[in-house]
Each structure stands twice: as structure tokens, then as C-alpha cells.
Amino acid sequence: CADSPAVRITALPDGGFTLVSEGLTVALEVPVRQRAEVRALLGLRDQARAVIAREATDTDAGDLEVQRGRLRGAWERYVAEFGPINRFGLSKPKDPTRRPSRLVPAAVRLVTRTDPYGPLVAALERYDDDTGQAHPAGLLTSRQIVPRAAVTRAENPSDAVSICLDTLGRLDLPSIA
């Protein structure tokens, strides 16, 4: 599929996971304790991609808002079960001159660093580092992408060429005419 990235994590019906990379599918070992969270993150990824694709192409807000509501519900269930996506702990360095580093949960780290759409999952919430509270980001609350209106007429030949190149990516004399 042209929409599928060259690298992606896939959840299997049997509970396992695969990593698809450059057309090759290999088993991805995910520790048992992380499997439910990885599966939930991948579900959020897929739902968020679907909402974005729908926003970019569809002007009908009704079904889109139903889809957005499902995504928000999935995010709320994730937060209730696992905590905010962007949660972290701090390391305690043995050397007092060293700064603590962020410790991101392993499931979140796996998805956000391995899958090309993993960062989209992290972008579903606004996380306050000081309070540890997460709030829904824009995609969960309102339309973020407005589809472009199709331009069907040009005032002059130069505009017609520009419209054709923008729409088709090439010159097409019947379209320009």
C-alpha cells in the first residue's frame, strides 16, 4: 500500500508483534509485561492516522467527529490504564555532578522510536512535566486540517499551468484548456 511506511510495527491477532522493514517482516520480541501497552499504543497510532487522513480529504464533519470521539475515548482508556503517554521517571545518578535523565516507559519508547508514526501517538496529549498531568491535544478535540477546495477555473494561462502542476504534478494540455 502506498500509504504504508517502509518500517512499521504490526500487532498480530495471536498477541505477537512484527516489525516490517524494507519489505521484510520479522518477529518483534516484546516482553509480556509490555504487550498490552504496545498494542494500545499501536491502536492509538492507527486511529490517529485515520482521523488525520479523514480530515485531509473529507468535508463532512459528522462521521469525522464520531471517529475523533472514538480516538479520544481510546486515549482516555489508555491514560486510565497505563498513565499519560508522555510520562517519565528520573534516574538517580550515582555521581552527584551528573544530571538525572528521563526514563521513558519501555513500551512507549519502543513505539515512538521504532515506528515512523510513533511520535504521532506522543502528540495526542499535552503533558505537563511539573504536574504529570496530560490533557488531550488538538486532534482529539477539534479539526486540525481543512481540506483544500478544488480550483476548477483559472483567470489566465499562467494560472492554469500552475493549477495543473499543483493538482496533477505534471502538465496536461486538456486540463489546462
N, C-alpha and C. Protein backbone atom coordinates (compact mmCIF):
# COMPACT_ATOMS: atom_id res chain seq x y z
N CYS A 1 0.85 -1.18 0.00
CA CYS A 1 0.00 0.00 0.00
C CYS A 1 0.89 1.24 0.00
N ALA A 2 0.60 2.20 -0.82
CA ALA A 2 1.42 3.40 -0.92
C ALA A 2 1.41 4.20 0.37
N ASP A 3 0.37 4.03 1.20
CA ASP A 3 0.25 4.77 2.44
C ASP A 3 1.05 4.15 3.58
N SER A 4 1.52 2.91 3.41
CA SER A 4 2.23 2.22 4.47
C SER A 4 3.70 2.62 4.45
N PRO A 5 4.23 2.96 5.64
CA PRO A 5 5.65 3.32 5.70
C PRO A 5 6.54 2.11 5.47
N ALA A 6 7.79 2.35 5.12
CA ALA A 6 8.75 1.27 4.86
C ALA A 6 9.06 0.50 6.14
N VAL A 7 8.92 1.13 7.29
CA VAL A 7 9.17 0.49 8.58
C VAL A 7 7.91 0.70 9.42
N ARG A 8 7.42 -0.37 10.05
CA ARG A 8 6.27 -0.22 10.94
C ARG A 8 6.17 -1.43 11.86
N ILE A 9 5.56 -1.21 13.00
CA ILE A 9 5.28 -2.29 13.94
C ILE A 9 3.84 -2.72 13.69
N THR A 10 3.64 -4.03 13.66
CA THR A 10 2.31 -4.58 13.45
C THR A 10 1.97 -5.52 14.60
N ALA A 11 0.75 -5.39 15.12
CA ALA A 11 0.26 -6.30 16.15
C ALA A 11 -0.44 -7.46 15.47
N LEU A 12 -0.14 -8.66 15.88
CA LEU A 12 -0.74 -9.87 15.31
C LEU A 12 -1.92 -10.34 16.16
N PRO A 13 -2.89 -11.00 15.55
CA PRO A 13 -4.04 -11.49 16.30
C PRO A 13 -3.67 -12.46 17.43
N ASP A 14 -2.56 -13.18 17.27
CA ASP A 14 -2.17 -14.16 18.29
C ASP A 14 -1.46 -13.52 19.49
N GLY A 15 -1.34 -12.19 19.49
CA GLY A 15 -0.71 -11.50 20.61
C GLY A 15 0.74 -11.11 20.34
N GLY A 16 1.31 -11.60 19.27
CA GLY A 16 2.69 -11.26 18.93
C GLY A 16 2.77 -9.97 18.13
N PHE A 17 3.99 -9.62 17.77
CA PHE A 17 4.24 -8.39 17.02
C PHE A 17 5.27 -8.68 15.94
N THR A 18 5.18 -7.92 14.86
CA THR A 18 6.20 -8.00 13.82
C THR A 18 6.72 -6.60 13.54
N LEU A 19 7.89 -6.56 12.99
CA LEU A 19 8.50 -5.33 12.51
C LEU A 19 8.66 -5.51 11.02
N VAL A 20 8.04 -4.64 10.25
CA VAL A 20 8.16 -4.67 8.81
C VAL A 20 9.19 -3.60 8.46
N SER A 21 10.24 -4.02 7.77
CA SER A 21 11.30 -3.09 7.40
C SER A 21 11.79 -3.41 6.00
N GLU A 22 11.66 -2.43 5.11
CA GLU A 22 12.11 -2.59 3.73
C GLU A 22 11.52 -3.84 3.09
N GLY A 23 10.25 -4.12 3.37
CA GLY A 23 9.57 -5.25 2.76
C GLY A 23 9.76 -6.58 3.46
N LEU A 24 10.64 -6.63 4.43
CA LEU A 24 10.85 -7.87 5.18
C LEU A 24 10.08 -7.81 6.49
N THR A 25 9.43 -8.90 6.84
CA THR A 25 8.69 -8.98 8.09
C THR A 25 9.43 -9.91 9.03
N VAL A 26 9.78 -9.39 10.20
CA VAL A 26 10.48 -10.19 11.20
C VAL A 26 9.71 -10.10 12.52
N ALA A 27 9.82 -11.17 13.30
CA ALA A 27 9.17 -11.17 14.61
C ALA A 27 9.82 -10.10 15.49
N LEU A 28 8.99 -9.40 16.24
CA LEU A 28 9.48 -8.38 17.17
C LEU A 28 9.19 -8.89 18.58
N GLU A 29 10.23 -9.14 19.33
CA GLU A 29 10.06 -9.64 20.68
C GLU A 29 9.70 -8.49 21.62
N VAL A 30 8.53 -8.58 22.19
CA VAL A 30 8.06 -7.58 23.15
C VAL A 30 7.83 -8.33 24.46
N PRO A 31 8.45 -7.90 25.55
CA PRO A 31 8.24 -8.58 26.83
C PRO A 31 6.75 -8.65 27.18
N VAL A 32 6.35 -9.73 27.80
CA VAL A 32 4.95 -9.98 28.13
C VAL A 32 4.33 -8.80 28.87
N ARG A 33 5.06 -8.21 29.82
CA ARG A 33 4.52 -7.10 30.62
C ARG A 33 4.24 -5.86 29.77
N GLN A 34 4.85 -5.74 28.61
CA GLN A 34 4.68 -4.54 27.77
C GLN A 34 3.69 -4.74 26.63
N ARG A 35 3.26 -5.96 26.39
CA ARG A 35 2.45 -6.25 25.20
C ARG A 35 1.13 -5.50 25.17
N ALA A 36 0.41 -5.46 26.27
CA ALA A 36 -0.89 -4.77 26.28
C ALA A 36 -0.71 -3.29 25.99
N GLU A 37 0.33 -2.69 26.56
CA GLU A 37 0.55 -1.26 26.33
C GLU A 37 0.99 -0.99 24.89
N VAL A 38 1.86 -1.82 24.35
CA VAL A 38 2.28 -1.64 22.95
C VAL A 38 1.08 -1.77 22.03
N ARG A 39 0.24 -2.77 22.29
CA ARG A 39 -0.96 -2.97 21.46
C ARG A 39 -1.87 -1.73 21.55
N ALA A 40 -2.04 -1.18 22.74
CA ALA A 40 -2.88 0.02 22.91
C ALA A 40 -2.26 1.22 22.18
N LEU A 41 -0.95 1.38 22.25
CA LEU A 41 -0.29 2.48 21.55
C LEU A 41 -0.44 2.34 20.03
N LEU A 42 -0.33 1.12 19.53
CA LEU A 42 -0.49 0.91 18.08
C LEU A 42 -1.93 1.19 17.66
N GLY A 43 -2.88 0.85 18.51
CA GLY A 43 -4.27 1.19 18.22
C GLY A 43 -4.48 2.69 18.15
N LEU A 44 -3.87 3.43 19.07
CA LEU A 44 -3.94 4.89 19.03
C LEU A 44 -3.29 5.43 17.76
N ARG A 45 -2.16 4.85 17.40
CA ARG A 45 -1.47 5.27 16.17
C ARG A 45 -2.39 5.11 14.96
N ASP A 46 -2.99 3.94 14.84
CA ASP A 46 -3.84 3.68 13.67
C ASP A 46 -5.08 4.57 13.65
N GLN A 47 -5.69 4.78 14.80
CA GLN A 47 -6.87 5.64 14.85
C GLN A 47 -6.50 7.10 14.56
N ALA A 48 -5.36 7.56 15.07
CA ALA A 48 -4.94 8.94 14.81
C ALA A 48 -4.64 9.14 13.33
N ARG A 49 -3.99 8.18 12.71
CA ARG A 49 -3.73 8.27 11.27
C ARG A 49 -5.02 8.34 10.48
N ALA A 50 -6.01 7.55 10.90
CA ALA A 50 -7.29 7.54 10.20
C ALA A 50 -8.00 8.89 10.34
N VAL A 51 -7.95 9.48 11.52
CA VAL A 51 -8.58 10.79 11.71
C VAL A 51 -7.88 11.85 10.86
N ILE A 52 -6.57 11.82 10.83
CA ILE A 52 -5.82 12.79 10.02
C ILE A 52 -6.15 12.62 8.54
N ALA A 53 -6.16 11.38 8.07
CA ALA A 53 -6.48 11.13 6.66
C ALA A 53 -7.88 11.62 6.35
N ARG A 54 -8.79 11.39 7.25
CA ARG A 54 -10.18 11.82 7.05
C ARG A 54 -10.28 13.34 7.03
N GLU A 55 -9.57 14.00 7.94
CA GLU A 55 -9.59 15.47 7.97
C GLU A 55 -9.05 16.06 6.68
N ALA A 56 -8.03 15.45 6.12
CA ALA A 56 -7.37 15.99 4.94
C ALA A 56 -8.23 15.85 3.68
N THR A 57 -9.16 14.90 3.70
CA THR A 57 -9.89 14.64 2.47
C THR A 57 -11.40 14.85 2.56
N ASP A 58 -11.94 14.94 3.75
CA ASP A 58 -13.38 14.93 3.92
C ASP A 58 -13.89 16.24 4.52
N THR A 59 -14.92 16.77 3.92
CA THR A 59 -15.52 17.99 4.47
C THR A 59 -16.73 17.68 5.35
N ASP A 60 -17.20 16.42 5.36
CA ASP A 60 -18.33 16.03 6.19
C ASP A 60 -17.86 15.84 7.62
N ALA A 61 -18.30 16.73 8.50
CA ALA A 61 -17.82 16.71 9.88
C ALA A 61 -18.51 15.65 10.73
N GLY A 62 -19.69 15.18 10.36
CA GLY A 62 -20.44 14.25 11.19
C GLY A 62 -19.70 12.97 11.51
N ASP A 63 -19.37 12.19 10.48
CA ASP A 63 -18.66 10.94 10.70
C ASP A 63 -17.25 11.18 11.25
N LEU A 64 -16.65 12.26 10.82
CA LEU A 64 -15.31 12.60 11.32
C LEU A 64 -15.34 12.79 12.83
N GLU A 65 -16.35 13.47 13.33
CA GLU A 65 -16.43 13.71 14.77
C GLU A 65 -16.70 12.42 15.54
N VAL A 66 -17.42 11.49 14.94
CA VAL A 66 -17.62 10.18 15.56
C VAL A 66 -16.28 9.47 15.66
N GLN A 67 -15.51 9.51 14.58
CA GLN A 67 -14.19 8.89 14.56
C GLN A 67 -13.27 9.56 15.58
N ARG A 68 -13.31 10.89 15.66
CA ARG A 68 -12.49 11.63 16.63
C ARG A 68 -12.89 11.25 18.06
N GLY A 69 -14.20 11.09 18.28
CA GLY A 69 -14.68 10.68 19.60
C GLY A 69 -14.17 9.31 20.00
N ARG A 70 -14.13 8.40 19.03
CA ARG A 70 -13.58 7.06 19.31
C ARG A 70 -12.10 7.15 19.67
N LEU A 71 -11.36 7.98 18.94
CA LEU A 71 -9.94 8.16 19.23
C LEU A 71 -9.75 8.75 20.63
N ARG A 72 -10.54 9.76 20.95
CA ARG A 72 -10.41 10.37 22.28
C ARG A 72 -10.76 9.35 23.37
N GLY A 73 -11.81 8.56 23.14
CA GLY A 73 -12.16 7.53 24.11
C GLY A 73 -11.04 6.52 24.30
N ALA A 74 -10.40 6.13 23.21
CA ALA A 74 -9.27 5.18 23.29
C ALA A 74 -8.12 5.81 24.07
N TRP A 75 -7.86 7.10 23.82
CA TRP A 75 -6.78 7.79 24.56
C TRP A 75 -7.13 7.85 26.05
N GLU A 76 -8.36 8.18 26.37
CA GLU A 76 -8.77 8.26 27.78
C GLU A 76 -8.64 6.90 28.47
N ARG A 77 -9.02 5.83 27.78
CA ARG A 77 -8.86 4.49 28.35
C ARG A 77 -7.39 4.15 28.55
N TYR A 78 -6.56 4.54 27.57
CA TYR A 78 -5.11 4.30 27.70
C TYR A 78 -4.57 5.01 28.94
N VAL A 79 -4.90 6.29 29.08
CA VAL A 79 -4.41 7.06 30.22
C VAL A 79 -4.90 6.46 31.54
N ALA A 80 -6.15 6.02 31.58
CA ALA A 80 -6.70 5.42 32.80
C ALA A 80 -5.96 4.12 33.16
N GLU A 81 -5.60 3.36 32.14
CA GLU A 81 -4.95 2.07 32.40
C GLU A 81 -3.45 2.16 32.61
N PHE A 82 -2.76 2.98 31.80
CA PHE A 82 -1.30 3.00 31.83
C PHE A 82 -0.71 4.30 32.36
N GLY A 83 -1.47 5.38 32.30
CA GLY A 83 -0.95 6.70 32.63
C GLY A 83 -0.71 7.47 31.34
N PRO A 84 -0.34 8.75 31.45
CA PRO A 84 -0.10 9.56 30.25
C PRO A 84 0.96 8.93 29.35
N ILE A 85 0.79 9.10 28.06
CA ILE A 85 1.75 8.57 27.09
C ILE A 85 3.14 9.15 27.34
N ASN A 86 3.20 10.43 27.65
CA ASN A 86 4.49 11.13 27.78
C ASN A 86 5.03 11.13 29.20
N ARG A 87 4.53 10.24 30.05
CA ARG A 87 5.01 10.15 31.42
C ARG A 87 6.48 9.72 31.43
N PHE A 88 7.14 10.02 32.51
CA PHE A 88 8.54 9.62 32.63
C PHE A 88 8.94 9.60 34.10
N GLY A 89 10.02 8.93 34.36
CA GLY A 89 10.65 8.96 35.67
C GLY A 89 12.01 9.61 35.50
N LEU A 90 12.69 9.84 36.60
CA LEU A 90 14.03 10.41 36.54
C LEU A 90 15.03 9.43 37.14
N SER A 91 16.17 9.30 36.49
CA SER A 91 17.22 8.45 37.01
C SER A 91 17.88 9.14 38.21
N LYS A 92 18.50 8.34 39.03
CA LYS A 92 19.25 8.89 40.17
C LYS A 92 20.72 8.57 39.95
N PRO A 93 21.45 9.50 39.35
CA PRO A 93 22.86 9.22 39.05
C PRO A 93 23.68 9.02 40.34
N LYS A 94 24.62 8.09 40.26
CA LYS A 94 25.50 7.84 41.40
C LYS A 94 26.43 9.02 41.62
N ASP A 95 26.81 9.64 40.52
CA ASP A 95 27.70 10.81 40.58
C ASP A 95 26.83 12.06 40.78
N PRO A 96 26.97 12.76 41.90
CA PRO A 96 26.12 13.93 42.17
C PRO A 96 26.34 15.10 41.20
N THR A 97 27.40 15.07 40.42
CA THR A 97 27.63 16.15 39.46
C THR A 97 26.87 15.91 38.16
N ARG A 98 26.33 14.72 38.01
CA ARG A 98 25.58 14.39 36.79
C ARG A 98 24.11 14.72 36.96
N ARG A 99 23.49 15.14 35.88
CA ARG A 99 22.07 15.46 35.91
C ARG A 99 21.25 14.18 35.74
N PRO A 100 20.09 14.12 36.38
CA PRO A 100 19.23 12.96 36.14
C PRO A 100 18.73 12.95 34.70
N SER A 101 18.46 11.78 34.18
CA SER A 101 17.91 11.68 32.83
C SER A 101 16.50 11.12 32.89
N ARG A 102 15.74 11.39 31.84
CA ARG A 102 14.35 10.91 31.77
C ARG A 102 14.34 9.42 31.49
N LEU A 103 13.47 8.72 32.19
CA LEU A 103 13.27 7.30 31.95
C LEU A 103 11.86 7.13 31.39
N VAL A 104 11.78 6.87 30.12
CA VAL A 104 10.51 6.70 29.42
C VAL A 104 10.11 5.23 29.50
N PRO A 105 8.84 4.93 29.76
CA PRO A 105 8.43 3.52 29.81
C PRO A 105 8.83 2.78 28.53
N ALA A 106 9.24 1.54 28.70
CA ALA A 106 9.78 0.76 27.58
C ALA A 106 8.80 0.63 26.42
N ALA A 107 7.53 0.41 26.69
CA ALA A 107 6.54 0.27 25.60
C ALA A 107 6.43 1.55 24.80
N VAL A 108 6.41 2.68 25.48
CA VAL A 108 6.32 3.98 24.80
C VAL A 108 7.58 4.22 23.99
N ARG A 109 8.72 3.92 24.58
CA ARG A 109 10.00 4.09 23.88
C ARG A 109 10.05 3.24 22.62
N LEU A 110 9.61 1.99 22.72
CA LEU A 110 9.62 1.09 21.56
C LEU A 110 8.79 1.67 20.42
N VAL A 111 7.57 2.09 20.70
CA VAL A 111 6.68 2.57 19.65
C VAL A 111 7.15 3.92 19.11
N THR A 112 7.50 4.85 19.98
CA THR A 112 7.86 6.19 19.49
C THR A 112 9.22 6.22 18.79
N ARG A 113 10.08 5.30 19.09
CA ARG A 113 11.41 5.32 18.45
C ARG A 113 11.54 4.35 17.28
N THR A 114 10.66 3.36 17.20
CA THR A 114 10.79 2.35 16.14
C THR A 114 9.83 2.59 15.00
N ASP A 115 8.60 2.96 15.33
CA ASP A 115 7.57 3.13 14.31
C ASP A 115 7.60 4.56 13.79
N PRO A 116 7.54 4.79 12.48
CA PRO A 116 7.61 6.15 11.96
C PRO A 116 6.43 7.03 12.38
N TYR A 117 5.31 6.41 12.76
CA TYR A 117 4.17 7.20 13.24
C TYR A 117 4.09 7.18 14.77
N GLY A 118 5.07 6.64 15.42
CA GLY A 118 5.12 6.62 16.88
C GLY A 118 5.06 8.01 17.49
N PRO A 119 5.79 8.98 16.96
CA PRO A 119 5.70 10.34 17.53
C PRO A 119 4.30 10.94 17.45
N LEU A 120 3.50 10.50 16.47
CA LEU A 120 2.11 10.96 16.39
C LEU A 120 1.36 10.56 17.65
N VAL A 121 1.63 9.38 18.16
CA VAL A 121 0.97 8.92 19.38
C VAL A 121 1.32 9.84 20.54
N ALA A 122 2.59 10.19 20.66
CA ALA A 122 3.01 11.08 21.75
C ALA A 122 2.38 12.47 21.60
N ALA A 123 2.06 12.85 20.37
CA ALA A 123 1.48 14.18 20.12
C ALA A 123 -0.02 14.23 20.41
N LEU A 124 -0.61 13.12 20.84
CA LEU A 124 -2.05 13.12 21.13
C LEU A 124 -2.37 13.81 22.46
N GLU A 125 -1.36 14.13 23.22
CA GLU A 125 -1.62 14.78 24.51
C GLU A 125 -0.64 15.91 24.75
N ARG A 126 -1.11 16.85 25.57
CA ARG A 126 -0.25 17.91 26.08
C ARG A 126 0.09 17.50 27.51
N TYR A 127 1.36 17.27 27.75
CA TYR A 127 1.80 16.75 29.04
C TYR A 127 2.52 17.83 29.82
N ASP A 128 2.14 17.99 31.07
CA ASP A 128 2.78 18.97 31.95
C ASP A 128 3.84 18.24 32.77
N ASP A 129 5.11 18.53 32.49
CA ASP A 129 6.22 17.87 33.19
C ASP A 129 6.17 18.09 34.69
N ASP A 130 5.72 19.25 35.11
CA ASP A 130 5.73 19.58 36.53
C ASP A 130 4.64 18.85 37.31
N THR A 131 3.45 18.75 36.74
CA THR A 131 2.33 18.12 37.46
C THR A 131 2.13 16.65 37.09
N GLY A 132 2.68 16.22 35.95
CA GLY A 132 2.47 14.86 35.49
C GLY A 132 1.09 14.62 34.91
N GLN A 133 0.37 15.70 34.62
CA GLN A 133 -0.98 15.60 34.07
C GLN A 133 -0.95 15.74 32.55
N ALA A 134 -1.82 14.97 31.91
CA ALA A 134 -1.95 15.04 30.45
C ALA A 134 -3.34 15.54 30.11
N HIS A 135 -3.41 16.32 29.06
CA HIS A 135 -4.67 16.84 28.54
C HIS A 135 -4.72 16.53 27.05
N PRO A 136 -5.91 16.32 26.51
CA PRO A 136 -6.00 15.99 25.09
C PRO A 136 -5.46 17.11 24.20
N ALA A 137 -4.70 16.71 23.21
CA ALA A 137 -4.17 17.68 22.23
C ALA A 137 -5.26 17.98 21.20
N GLY A 138 -4.98 18.91 20.33
CA GLY A 138 -5.94 19.40 19.37
C GLY A 138 -6.63 18.34 18.53
N LEU A 139 -5.91 17.33 18.07
CA LEU A 139 -6.50 16.31 17.22
C LEU A 139 -7.65 15.58 17.91
N LEU A 140 -7.61 15.51 19.24
CA LEU A 140 -8.65 14.83 19.99
C LEU A 140 -9.86 15.70 20.26
N THR A 141 -9.74 16.99 19.99
CA THR A 141 -10.83 17.90 20.36
C THR A 141 -11.48 18.62 19.18
N SER A 142 -10.73 18.87 18.13
CA SER A 142 -11.30 19.64 17.02
C SER A 142 -10.51 19.39 15.74
N ARG A 143 -11.10 19.80 14.64
CA ARG A 143 -10.48 19.64 13.33
C ARG A 143 -9.17 20.43 13.30
N GLN A 144 -8.13 19.80 12.77
CA GLN A 144 -6.82 20.43 12.66
C GLN A 144 -6.43 20.70 11.21
N ILE A 145 -7.02 19.96 10.29
CA ILE A 145 -6.69 20.08 8.87
C ILE A 145 -7.97 20.41 8.11
N VAL A 146 -7.92 21.44 7.32
CA VAL A 146 -9.06 21.80 6.49
C VAL A 146 -8.73 21.41 5.06
N PRO A 147 -9.55 20.56 4.43
CA PRO A 147 -9.24 20.17 3.05
C PRO A 147 -9.26 21.38 2.11
N ARG A 148 -8.38 21.34 1.17
CA ARG A 148 -8.32 22.43 0.18
C ARG A 148 -9.48 22.32 -0.79
N ALA A 149 -10.05 23.44 -1.10
CA ALA A 149 -11.12 23.46 -2.11
C ALA A 149 -10.49 23.30 -3.49
N ALA A 150 -11.10 22.49 -4.31
CA ALA A 150 -10.58 22.27 -5.66
C ALA A 150 -10.74 23.54 -6.49
N VAL A 151 -9.69 23.92 -7.17
CA VAL A 151 -9.73 25.07 -8.06
C VAL A 151 -10.05 24.55 -9.46
N THR A 152 -11.13 25.02 -10.02
CA THR A 152 -11.57 24.49 -11.32
C THR A 152 -11.46 25.51 -12.45
N ARG A 153 -11.19 26.76 -12.11
CA ARG A 153 -11.10 27.79 -13.14
C ARG A 153 -9.86 28.64 -12.90
N ALA A 154 -9.30 29.11 -14.02
CA ALA A 154 -8.14 29.99 -13.96
C ALA A 154 -8.44 31.27 -14.71
N GLU A 155 -7.87 32.34 -14.23
CA GLU A 155 -8.07 33.65 -14.86
C GLU A 155 -7.23 33.83 -16.12
N ASN A 156 -6.08 33.13 -16.17
CA ASN A 156 -5.19 33.29 -17.32
C ASN A 156 -4.40 31.99 -17.52
N PRO A 157 -3.72 31.86 -18.66
CA PRO A 157 -2.98 30.62 -18.94
C PRO A 157 -1.90 30.29 -17.91
N SER A 158 -1.25 31.30 -17.38
CA SER A 158 -0.21 31.07 -16.38
C SER A 158 -0.80 30.41 -15.13
N ASP A 159 -1.95 30.91 -14.69
CA ASP A 159 -2.63 30.32 -13.53
C ASP A 159 -3.08 28.89 -13.85
N ALA A 160 -3.54 28.66 -15.08
CA ALA A 160 -3.98 27.32 -15.48
C ALA A 160 -2.83 26.32 -15.40
N VAL A 161 -1.64 26.73 -15.83
CA VAL A 161 -0.46 25.86 -15.75
C VAL A 161 -0.13 25.58 -14.28
N SER A 162 -0.17 26.61 -13.45
CA SER A 162 0.13 26.43 -12.02
C SER A 162 -0.86 25.48 -11.36
N ILE A 163 -2.14 25.65 -11.67
CA ILE A 163 -3.18 24.78 -11.10
C ILE A 163 -2.97 23.34 -11.55
N CYS A 164 -2.66 23.15 -12.81
CA CYS A 164 -2.43 21.81 -13.35
C CYS A 164 -1.24 21.14 -12.66
N LEU A 165 -0.15 21.87 -12.52
CA LEU A 165 1.04 21.31 -11.85
C LEU A 165 0.74 20.98 -10.39
N ASP A 166 0.00 21.85 -9.73
CA ASP A 166 -0.34 21.61 -8.32
C ASP A 166 -1.26 20.41 -8.17
N THR A 167 -2.21 20.26 -9.07
CA THR A 167 -3.20 19.20 -8.97
C THR A 167 -2.66 17.86 -9.46
N LEU A 168 -2.03 17.85 -10.63
CA LEU A 168 -1.60 16.59 -11.25
C LEU A 168 -0.11 16.31 -11.10
N GLY A 169 0.66 17.34 -10.82
CA GLY A 169 2.10 17.15 -10.72
C GLY A 169 2.80 17.11 -12.06
N ARG A 170 2.06 17.40 -13.10
CA ARG A 170 2.63 17.40 -14.47
C ARG A 170 1.75 18.28 -15.34
N LEU A 171 2.25 18.61 -16.51
CA LEU A 171 1.45 19.39 -17.48
C LEU A 171 0.50 18.45 -18.23
N ASP A 172 -0.73 18.87 -18.35
CA ASP A 172 -1.75 18.10 -19.06
C ASP A 172 -2.58 19.11 -19.86
N LEU A 173 -2.36 19.14 -21.18
CA LEU A 173 -2.99 20.16 -22.02
C LEU A 173 -4.53 20.16 -21.92
N PRO A 174 -5.21 19.03 -21.92
CA PRO A 174 -6.67 19.08 -21.78
C PRO A 174 -7.11 19.73 -20.45
N SER A 175 -6.37 19.49 -19.38
CA SER A 175 -6.72 20.11 -18.09
C SER A 175 -6.47 21.62 -18.12
N ILE A 176 -5.40 22.02 -18.78
CA ILE A 176 -5.07 23.44 -18.86
C ILE A 176 -6.11 24.19 -19.68
N ALA A 177 -6.58 23.54 -20.73
CA ALA A 177 -7.58 24.19 -21.61
C ALA A 177 -8.86 24.35 -20.83
